[in-house]
Protein backbone atom coordinates (compact mmCIF):
# COMPACT_ATOMS: atom_id res chain seq x y z
CA MET A 1 0.04 0.14 0.25
CA GLY A 2 1.34 3.31 -1.23
CA PRO A 3 0.38 6.91 -0.04
CA GLY A 4 -2.26 7.35 -2.03
CA GLN A 5 -4.29 4.32 -1.00
CA LEU A 6 -3.21 5.18 2.81
CA TRP A 7 -4.43 9.02 2.94
CA ALA A 8 -8.12 7.69 1.00
CA ASN A 9 -8.56 5.17 3.70
CA LEU A 10 -8.03 7.73 6.66
CA SER A 11 -9.57 10.52 4.92
CA PRO A 12 -11.58 10.21 1.35
CA LEU A 13 -11.42 14.00 1.28
CA PHE A 14 -7.85 14.39 1.57
CA ARG A 15 -6.59 11.54 -0.91
CA GLY A 16 -4.80 14.46 -3.03
CA VAL A 17 -2.22 14.60 -0.18
CA GLY A 18 -1.28 11.01 -1.22
CA LEU A 19 -1.15 11.96 -4.79
CA ALA A 20 1.01 15.16 -3.83
CA SER A 21 3.51 12.87 -1.96
CA ILE A 22 3.83 10.52 -5.40
CA ILE A 23 3.93 13.48 -7.59
CA SER A 24 6.75 14.79 -5.54
CA SER A 25 8.49 11.69 -5.57
CA ALA A 26 8.12 11.25 -9.10
CA ILE A 27 9.52 14.83 -9.92
CA VAL A 28 12.55 14.36 -7.73
CA ALA A 29 13.22 10.93 -8.86
CA ILE A 30 13.86 12.60 -12.42
CA TYR A 31 16.50 15.19 -11.22
CA TYR A 32 17.96 12.77 -8.58
CA ASN A 33 19.28 9.97 -10.76
CA MET A 34 20.92 12.76 -12.46
CA ILE A 35 23.11 13.08 -9.44
CA ILE A 36 23.48 9.75 -9.64
CA ALA A 37 24.69 9.90 -13.46
CA TRP A 38 26.95 12.70 -12.27
CA THR A 39 28.52 10.34 -9.92
CA LEU A 40 28.83 7.55 -12.36
CA PHE A 41 30.61 9.99 -14.70
CA TYR A 42 32.96 10.85 -12.22
CA PHE A 43 33.68 7.41 -11.29
CA VAL A 44 34.56 6.51 -14.70
CA GLU A 45 36.52 9.58 -15.50
CA SER A 46 38.83 8.62 -12.05
CA PHE A 47 40.38 5.63 -14.39
CA PHE A 48 40.86 7.65 -17.15
CA GLY A 49 43.39 10.31 -15.77
CA GLN A 50 41.11 12.38 -13.38
CA ASN A 51 41.12 15.32 -15.93
CA TRP A 52 39.62 17.74 -13.22
CA GLN A 53 43.08 17.82 -11.60
CA ARG A 54 44.81 19.72 -14.58
CA CYS A 55 44.19 22.80 -16.62
CA THR A 56 45.61 21.05 -20.07
CA ASN A 57 42.47 19.74 -21.41
CA GLU A 58 40.39 20.98 -24.30
CA PHE A 59 37.68 22.29 -22.51
CA ASN A 60 39.74 24.43 -19.74
CA THR A 61 40.29 28.40 -20.35
CA GLU A 62 43.13 30.52 -19.91
CA ASN A 63 41.60 31.43 -16.45
CA CYS A 64 41.99 28.04 -15.19
CA PHE A 65 44.53 27.19 -12.20
CA SER A 66 45.29 23.86 -10.68
CA ILE A 67 47.46 23.40 -7.44
CA LEU A 68 48.52 19.86 -7.22
CA ASN A 69 50.45 19.77 -4.20
CA ASN A 70 52.11 21.82 -1.34
CA ASN A 71 55.15 22.81 -2.97
CA ASN A 72 53.20 25.27 -5.13
CA ASN A 73 53.76 22.86 -8.27
CA ILE A 74 51.05 24.72 -10.32
CA THR A 75 49.66 24.23 -13.64
CA THR A 76 48.37 27.65 -14.56
CA ASN A 77 46.33 27.44 -17.81
CA ARG A 78 45.73 24.71 -20.78
CA PHE A 79 49.23 25.59 -22.23
CA ASN A 80 50.80 23.75 -19.41
CA PHE A 81 52.87 26.61 -18.15
CA THR A 82 54.29 25.27 -14.97
CA ASN A 83 55.80 27.43 -12.08
CA THR A 84 57.61 26.12 -9.14
CA ASN A 85 57.93 27.16 -5.81
CA VAL A 86 57.15 30.51 -6.44
CA ASP A 87 54.45 32.81 -4.98
CA VAL A 88 51.34 32.88 -7.45
CA VAL A 89 48.73 35.48 -7.26
CA PHE A 90 45.43 34.55 -8.91
CA SER A 91 43.08 37.10 -10.27
CA ASN A 92 39.48 37.70 -9.55
CA HIS A 93 38.69 35.74 -12.82
CA SER A 94 40.91 32.67 -12.07
CA ILE A 95 38.53 29.31 -11.91
CA SER A 96 39.84 26.13 -10.57
CA SER A 97 40.26 23.19 -12.70
CA THR A 98 37.67 21.19 -11.05
CA GLU A 99 35.13 23.95 -11.28
CA GLU A 100 35.90 24.00 -15.02
CA PHE A 101 35.79 20.24 -15.27
CA PHE A 102 32.27 19.96 -13.78
CA ASN A 103 30.76 23.25 -15.76
CA ASN A 104 32.66 22.89 -19.22
CA TYR A 105 33.16 19.11 -19.56
CA VAL A 106 30.54 17.30 -17.43
CA LEU A 107 27.44 19.91 -17.74
CA ILE A 108 28.82 21.68 -20.64
CA LYS A 109 27.11 24.66 -19.25
CA SER A 110 25.59 27.36 -21.21
CA ASN A 111 24.78 30.84 -20.51
CA GLY A 112 21.12 30.73 -19.46
CA ILE A 113 18.03 28.52 -19.58
CA ASP A 114 17.30 29.67 -23.08
CA ASP A 115 20.57 28.76 -24.68
CA MET A 116 19.82 24.97 -25.08
CA ASN A 117 21.71 23.58 -28.02
CA GLU A 118 23.71 20.81 -27.46
CA MET A 119 23.73 17.27 -25.65
CA ASN A 120 26.25 15.82 -23.93
CA TRP A 121 25.92 12.05 -24.91
CA LYS A 122 28.35 10.77 -22.45
CA LEU A 123 26.14 11.92 -19.46
CA VAL A 124 23.19 10.49 -21.35
CA ALA A 125 25.11 7.20 -21.18
CA ALA A 126 25.45 7.55 -17.64
CA LEU A 127 21.87 8.68 -17.03
CA PHE A 128 20.59 5.30 -18.92
CA ILE A 129 22.92 3.14 -17.08
CA SER A 130 21.57 4.61 -13.67
CA TRP A 131 17.90 4.18 -14.62
CA CYS A 132 18.98 0.47 -15.73
CA ILE A 133 20.44 0.11 -12.32
CA VAL A 134 17.44 1.36 -10.50
CA ALA A 135 15.12 -0.92 -12.93
CA LEU A 136 16.91 -4.33 -12.15
CA ALA A 137 17.20 -3.55 -8.58
CA LEU A 138 13.31 -3.24 -8.51
CA ILE A 139 12.04 -5.75 -11.13
CA LYS A 140 11.06 -7.79 -8.60
CA GLY A 141 9.42 -5.65 -6.08
CA ILE A 142 10.61 -5.36 -2.28
CA GLN A 143 12.31 -9.12 -2.76
CA SER A 144 14.76 -7.68 -5.09
CA SER A 145 15.17 -4.08 -3.66
CA GLY A 146 15.48 -5.35 0.01
CA LYS A 147 18.53 -7.73 -0.90
CA VAL A 148 20.26 -4.69 -2.71
CA VAL A 149 19.33 -2.34 0.27
CA TYR A 150 21.39 -4.75 2.61
CA PHE A 151 24.56 -3.71 0.82
CA THR A 152 23.89 -0.41 -0.31
CA ALA A 153 22.90 1.13 2.65
CA THR A 154 25.54 -0.41 4.97
CA PHE A 155 28.81 -0.66 2.71
CA PRO A 156 29.10 3.10 2.75
CA TYR A 157 29.63 3.12 6.32
CA VAL A 158 32.81 1.32 5.57
CA ILE A 159 34.13 3.79 3.14
CA LEU A 160 33.20 6.87 5.31
CA ALA A 161 35.17 5.17 8.22
CA ILE A 162 38.10 5.08 5.70
CA LEU A 163 37.74 8.47 4.42
CA LEU A 164 37.31 9.83 7.83
CA ALA A 165 40.56 7.96 9.48
CA ARG A 166 42.53 9.57 6.22
CA GLY A 167 40.88 12.79 6.65
CA ILE A 168 41.91 13.41 10.39
CA THR A 169 45.53 12.80 9.31
CA LEU A 170 45.59 15.88 6.95
CA PRO A 171 46.86 19.35 7.82
CA GLY A 172 44.05 21.72 8.61
CA SER A 173 41.33 18.85 9.22
CA TYR A 174 40.93 19.68 12.89
CA ASP A 175 40.45 23.47 11.74
CA GLY A 176 37.21 22.31 9.61
CA LEU A 177 35.96 20.08 12.28
CA HIS A 178 36.23 23.03 14.83
CA TYR A 179 34.16 25.04 12.26
CA TYR A 180 31.70 22.15 11.64
CA LEU A 181 31.08 21.54 15.53
CA MET A 182 30.88 24.90 16.58
CA PRO A 183 27.58 26.64 16.23
CA ASN A 184 27.08 30.42 14.71
CA TRP A 185 24.36 31.57 17.15
CA LYS A 186 23.90 34.67 15.15
CA ARG A 187 22.13 32.27 12.13
CA ILE A 188 19.48 30.93 14.76
CA TYR A 189 17.13 33.39 13.85
CA ASP A 190 17.80 32.79 9.90
CA VAL A 191 14.80 31.11 8.17
CA ASP A 192 16.98 29.57 5.67
CA VAL A 193 18.77 27.54 8.22
CA TRP A 194 15.75 26.15 9.55
CA ARG A 195 14.18 25.53 6.17
CA ASP A 196 17.30 23.74 4.84
CA ALA A 197 17.42 21.61 8.42
CA ALA A 198 13.39 20.63 7.88
CA VAL A 199 14.06 19.77 4.34
CA GLN A 200 16.63 17.72 5.26
CA VAL A 201 14.92 15.71 7.86
CA PHE A 202 12.17 15.58 5.79
CA TYR A 203 14.16 14.20 2.77
CA SER A 204 16.50 11.86 5.15
CA PHE A 205 13.24 10.38 6.66
CA GLY A 206 11.18 10.13 3.77
CA ILE A 207 8.76 12.58 5.41
CA GLY A 208 6.09 13.80 2.69
CA GLY A 209 7.80 11.90 0.01
CA GLY A 210 5.67 8.56 0.60
CA GLY A 211 8.87 6.27 0.39
CA MET A 212 8.48 5.55 4.52
CA ILE A 213 4.95 4.56 4.31
CA THR A 214 5.46 2.55 1.11
CA TYR A 215 8.22 0.47 3.10
CA ALA A 216 6.10 0.61 6.30
CA SER A 217 3.22 -1.33 4.14
CA TYR A 218 5.52 -4.31 3.77
CA ASN A 219 6.03 -4.77 7.60
CA ARG A 220 3.90 -7.16 9.78
CA PHE A 221 0.88 -6.08 11.58
CA HIS A 222 2.62 -6.29 15.15
CA ASN A 223 6.06 -4.91 14.19
CA PRO A 224 7.92 -3.09 16.93
CA VAL A 225 7.45 0.28 15.06
CA THR A 226 8.17 2.65 18.06
CA LYS A 227 11.54 0.74 18.44
CA HIS A 228 12.11 1.00 14.94
CA ALA A 229 11.46 4.59 14.74
CA LEU A 230 13.79 5.52 17.46
CA LEU A 231 16.45 3.29 16.09
CA VAL A 232 15.82 5.05 12.70
CA GLY A 233 15.78 8.76 14.37
CA ILE A 234 19.13 8.08 16.41
CA GLY A 235 20.70 6.38 13.28
CA ASP A 236 19.87 9.27 11.09
CA PHE A 237 20.92 11.89 13.31
CA ALA A 238 24.31 9.86 14.04
CA THR A 239 24.89 9.41 10.10
CA SER A 240 24.47 12.96 9.35
CA ILE A 241 26.86 13.69 11.88
CA PHE A 242 29.32 11.04 10.68
CA CYS A 243 29.05 12.21 6.92
CA GLY A 244 29.50 15.76 8.18
CA ALA A 245 32.69 14.86 9.73
CA VAL A 246 34.22 13.19 6.80
CA VAL A 247 33.26 16.26 4.43
CA PHE A 248 34.66 19.18 7.13
CA THR A 249 37.90 17.18 7.62
CA MET A 250 38.58 17.38 3.84
CA ILE A 251 37.23 21.19 3.81
CA GLY A 252 39.59 21.93 6.45
CA TYR A 253 42.33 20.36 4.46
CA MET A 254 41.63 22.15 1.46
CA ALA A 255 41.43 25.58 3.38
CA SER A 256 44.96 24.90 4.74
CA ALA A 257 46.33 23.88 1.56
CA LEU A 258 44.98 27.00 -0.36
CA ASN A 259 45.75 29.33 2.68
CA LYS A 260 42.40 30.34 2.45
CA PRO A 261 39.50 30.62 4.97
CA ILE A 262 37.09 27.99 5.51
CA GLU A 263 34.06 30.29 4.76
CA GLN A 264 35.78 30.54 1.29
CA ILE A 265 35.79 26.83 0.69
CA VAL A 266 32.27 25.94 1.90
CA GLN A 267 30.08 25.42 -1.13
CA ASP A 268 26.32 24.10 -0.98
CA GLY A 269 24.63 21.49 -3.47
CA ALA A 270 26.42 20.03 -6.28
CA GLY A 271 29.69 22.33 -5.96
CA LEU A 272 30.50 20.42 -2.86
CA ALA A 273 30.33 17.03 -3.99
CA PHE A 274 31.74 17.80 -7.58
CA ILE A 275 33.98 20.49 -6.92
CA VAL A 276 35.51 21.08 -3.65
CA ILE A 277 35.50 17.42 -2.44
CA PRO A 278 37.18 16.25 -5.93
CA GLU A 279 40.05 19.21 -5.58
CA GLY A 280 40.80 18.18 -1.96
CA LEU A 281 41.25 14.43 -3.19
CA SER A 282 43.54 15.35 -6.07
CA ARG A 283 46.03 16.73 -3.33
CA MET A 284 46.07 13.23 -1.66
CA PRO A 285 48.71 10.60 -2.40
CA ILE A 286 47.32 7.68 -3.98
CA SER A 287 44.28 10.17 -5.34
CA LEU A 288 42.63 7.66 -7.55
CA LEU A 289 42.00 5.07 -4.51
CA TRP A 290 40.34 7.80 -2.76
CA SER A 291 38.26 9.62 -5.72
CA VAL A 292 37.07 5.65 -6.53
CA LEU A 293 36.07 5.36 -2.83
CA PHE A 294 34.46 8.75 -2.61
CA PHE A 295 32.05 8.33 -5.68
CA THR A 296 31.41 4.80 -4.90
CA MET A 297 30.17 5.79 -1.39
CA LEU A 298 28.20 8.82 -3.12
CA PHE A 299 26.67 6.29 -5.75
CA LEU A 300 25.70 3.91 -3.14
CA LEU A 301 23.78 6.80 -0.85
CA GLY A 302 22.15 8.13 -3.90
CA ILE A 303 21.14 4.99 -5.42
CA ASP A 304 19.32 3.85 -1.96
CA SER A 305 17.29 7.12 -1.75
CA GLN A 306 16.28 6.82 -5.12
CA PHE A 307 14.84 3.10 -4.89
CA ALA A 308 12.22 4.40 -2.04
CA MET A 309 11.45 7.47 -4.66
CA VAL A 310 10.75 5.01 -7.52
CA GLU A 311 8.91 2.24 -5.12
CA THR A 312 6.69 4.89 -3.89
CA VAL A 313 5.52 5.98 -7.47
CA ILE A 314 5.34 2.22 -8.72
CA THR A 315 3.39 1.05 -5.84
CA TYR A 316 0.74 3.44 -6.47
CA LEU A 317 0.44 2.55 -10.07
CA PHE A 318 0.63 -0.98 -9.16
CA ASP A 319 -2.33 -0.50 -6.68
CA ASP A 320 -4.33 1.65 -9.21
CA ILE A 321 -4.10 -0.70 -11.77
CA ARG A 322 -5.23 -3.59 -9.80
CA SER A 323 -7.74 -1.84 -7.87
CA LYS A 324 -9.36 -1.89 -11.73
CA LYS A 325 -9.47 -5.67 -11.71
CA LEU A 326 -6.76 -5.68 -14.44
CA LYS A 327 -3.85 -8.07 -14.74
CA VAL A 328 -0.56 -6.86 -13.25
CA ASN A 329 2.85 -7.70 -14.53
CA LYS A 330 5.50 -5.79 -12.23
CA PRO A 331 8.65 -6.01 -14.16
CA LEU A 332 6.83 -4.57 -16.96
CA ILE A 333 5.44 -1.39 -15.26
CA VAL A 334 9.15 -0.95 -13.53
CA ILE A 335 10.58 -0.98 -17.25
CA LEU A 336 8.25 1.25 -18.43
CA THR A 337 8.34 3.82 -15.70
CA SER A 338 11.91 3.86 -15.88
CA ILE A 339 11.93 4.44 -19.71
CA VAL A 340 9.50 7.31 -19.00
CA TRP A 341 11.84 8.83 -16.17
CA PHE A 342 15.08 8.34 -18.78
CA LEU A 343 13.31 10.52 -21.42
CA PHE A 344 12.02 13.07 -18.81
CA GLY A 345 15.59 13.50 -17.82
CA LEU A 346 17.20 14.20 -21.11
CA PRO A 347 17.01 17.71 -21.12
CA LEU A 348 19.16 17.63 -17.97
CA CYS A 349 21.94 16.14 -20.29
CA THR A 350 21.76 19.39 -22.28
CA ASN A 351 24.00 21.94 -22.05
CA ALA A 352 21.02 24.19 -20.16
CA GLY A 353 20.36 21.13 -17.85
CA ILE A 354 21.77 22.57 -14.81
CA TYR A 355 19.25 25.67 -14.86
CA ILE A 356 16.40 23.02 -15.24
CA PHE A 357 17.82 21.10 -12.46
CA THR A 358 18.16 24.08 -10.16
CA ILE A 359 14.18 24.84 -11.11
CA MET A 360 13.12 21.26 -10.22
CA ASP A 361 14.98 21.00 -6.89
CA GLU A 362 13.82 24.15 -5.73
CA TYR A 363 10.11 23.86 -6.64
CA SER A 364 9.57 19.95 -6.01
CA ILE A 365 10.95 19.96 -2.81
CA GLY A 366 11.14 21.93 0.27
CA ILE A 367 8.16 23.94 0.64
CA PRO A 368 5.67 20.96 -1.20
CA CYS A 369 7.19 18.76 1.63
CA LEU A 370 6.22 20.90 4.42
CA VAL A 371 2.75 21.92 3.24
CA ILE A 372 2.09 17.89 2.55
CA GLY A 373 3.65 17.62 6.09
CA LEU A 374 1.51 19.98 7.83
CA LEU A 375 -1.63 18.32 6.06
CA GLU A 376 -0.34 14.82 6.98
CA ILE A 377 -0.28 16.22 10.68
CA PHE A 378 -3.80 18.02 10.33
CA ILE A 379 -5.42 14.50 9.00
CA VAL A 380 -3.96 12.21 11.63
CA THR A 381 -4.45 14.66 14.46
CA TYR A 382 -7.79 16.26 13.79
CA ILE A 383 -9.57 14.17 11.19
CA TYR A 384 -8.67 10.69 11.79
CA GLY A 385 -8.15 11.54 15.58
CA ILE A 386 -4.96 11.49 18.04
CA ASP A 387 -6.89 9.24 20.44
CA ILE A 388 -7.35 6.76 17.87
CA PHE A 389 -3.85 6.80 16.59
CA PHE A 390 -2.68 6.26 20.20
CA ASP A 391 -5.17 3.29 20.25
CA ASN A 392 -4.05 1.78 16.82
CA LEU A 393 -0.23 2.06 18.36
CA GLU A 394 -1.15 0.05 21.29
CA LYS A 395 -3.16 -2.59 19.31
CA MET A 396 -0.36 -3.04 16.98
CA THR A 397 2.70 -2.92 19.66
CA LYS A 398 1.12 -3.76 22.81
CA TRP A 399 2.45 -0.37 24.05
CA LYS A 400 0.80 2.83 25.07
CA PRO A 401 2.57 6.03 26.15
CA LYS A 402 1.99 6.82 30.15
CA ILE A 403 0.33 10.09 30.35
CA LEU A 404 3.05 12.09 30.82
CA LEU A 405 4.76 10.94 27.65
CA GLN A 406 1.74 11.16 25.79
CA SER A 407 0.95 14.73 26.92
CA HIS A 408 4.31 15.65 25.47
CA LEU A 409 3.93 13.92 22.16
CA VAL A 410 0.62 15.86 21.67
CA ILE A 411 2.00 19.25 22.34
CA MET A 412 5.11 18.23 19.89
CA ILE A 413 2.74 16.87 17.10
CA THR A 414 -0.16 18.93 17.38
CA VAL A 415 1.70 22.41 18.54
CA ILE A 416 5.16 23.05 18.55
CA ALA A 417 5.71 20.88 14.93
CA PRO A 418 3.09 22.56 12.80
CA GLY A 419 4.05 25.91 14.35
CA VAL A 420 7.58 25.58 13.52
CA MET A 421 6.61 24.55 10.05
CA LEU A 422 4.26 27.19 9.66
CA TRP A 423 6.86 29.73 10.66
CA ILE A 424 9.17 28.75 7.92
CA LEU A 425 6.34 28.59 5.41
CA VAL A 426 5.40 31.97 6.17
CA LYS A 427 8.96 33.51 6.24
CA GLN A 428 9.68 31.88 2.98
CA LEU A 429 6.63 32.86 1.13
CA PHE A 430 6.60 36.69 2.49
CA ARG A 431 10.23 37.27 3.42
CA ASN A 432 10.17 40.62 1.62
CA THR A 433 7.35 42.52 2.75
CA SER A 434 7.87 45.16 0.18
CA ILE A 435 7.35 42.83 -2.84
CA LYS A 436 4.70 43.79 -4.96
CA LEU A 437 1.12 41.74 -4.18
CA TRP A 438 1.11 40.12 -7.63
CA PHE A 439 4.65 38.85 -7.51
CA ILE A 440 3.94 37.32 -4.17
CA SER A 441 0.77 35.65 -5.89
CA ILE A 442 3.08 34.20 -8.65
CA SER A 443 5.55 32.84 -5.93
CA ILE A 444 2.39 31.11 -4.15
CA LEU A 445 1.16 29.61 -7.38
CA GLY A 446 4.66 28.52 -8.24
CA HIS A 447 5.16 26.39 -5.07
CA LEU A 448 1.70 25.15 -4.89
CA ASP A 449 0.58 24.71 -8.43
CA TRP A 450 1.10 20.93 -8.03
CA LEU A 451 -1.64 20.88 -5.48
CA VAL A 452 -3.80 21.90 -7.92
CA ILE A 453 -3.11 19.15 -10.21
CA CYS A 454 -3.92 16.87 -7.16
CA ILE A 455 -7.08 18.38 -6.68
CA ILE A 456 -8.04 17.78 -10.51
CA ILE A 457 -6.54 14.07 -10.22
CA ASP A 458 -8.79 13.52 -6.83
CA HIS A 459 -11.50 14.80 -8.65
CA CYS A 460 -11.52 12.60 -11.27
CA HIS A 461 -11.21 9.41 -9.14
CA THR A 462 -14.24 10.68 -7.21
CA ILE A 463 -16.29 10.68 -10.57
CA ASP A 464 -14.50 7.52 -11.31
CA ASP A 465 -15.93 5.94 -8.03
CA ASP A 466 -19.31 7.21 -8.30
């Protein structure tokens, strides 16, 4: 049972909430597999000279610079002009070799979204392979994906431990860890920090996207969900701290090697994984080994999340077809949906793909997930009933929280959590009170247009049922 069927059972009036989760997962799956394709691209390129290390490639510009070791052995441009043991001052127009590799070779980045006239066929091949891997893992449903996840969910910890053990031996790593672990209390009132934190929690737990609901539907009725919820929460928190430590040891090392403040090294999004980290790996002895390990880890972490999103959509299609008394061929559904997703992902392989990627990332997750989360809280607490929810929990687990703990949970679920989420939403939608009303209206419609689609689909379902 997927989120579509679940929310229809809890409250037929809010069936669209489940459809919104499915639509969000479907959109995210398109561009998220593009990240996995980039990872495969870098993994293969690691065995062909790690060309992001140098400025002698055809795609490099005269502004390219590459620092390969601590002796200032510097390749300054594509003409392989080398200065050894000298003080080099880069201009404001200097671009690192890793940044040029990502923008000029991987993305073939154009000047804007309206400039779409070239396809990177290597990236198309990487995207095709990514979807083949996803389809093969899910072709037999939970039986095949469950076995794959045993490996994809555990082996990254081994690689992370190896990278952390290597990272803390690097000069400047402890500065990076200090920067990572010491909070900046001035940003506690910054709504962007709260939004990014909320989105990260929603995404890593599968809240709002339907992945957690889909996988949970395969559990036994008397499964110890409370114990598993605690283990998942603690494990997710510990994993986030662990991954952050690995990344910031590398960032601290980069800051030390380039003699720059850590603030100038830190980047978010794709820039961190595909520009900053590869540059740090290039400076390590046996850089090939560390590059292979890092991109293997990145691939396994990414493909694991992709399984959940794709399985959510496929489960919905499977349930919908089965409800119409039609014969269901699960492998065929998996193959066809993977082909459709691959075709939708092709624009991301063009030279304007990064701009499309950014738009999809902005509007398919974040505010939509917060809205879905708020509606889910509203349905469970006020429509279905929080008392019935606790009775169901007791029936399933033979455990019911004591009055003090239950009161705490009720306050958290009904007041604090939705209050924080509403504050983030209001601040995000109306962050600049001087903006004209028409612009605010367009922004709201831009974030919530998917909700209109859900209402239309839900209305069509209602007509069919009648």
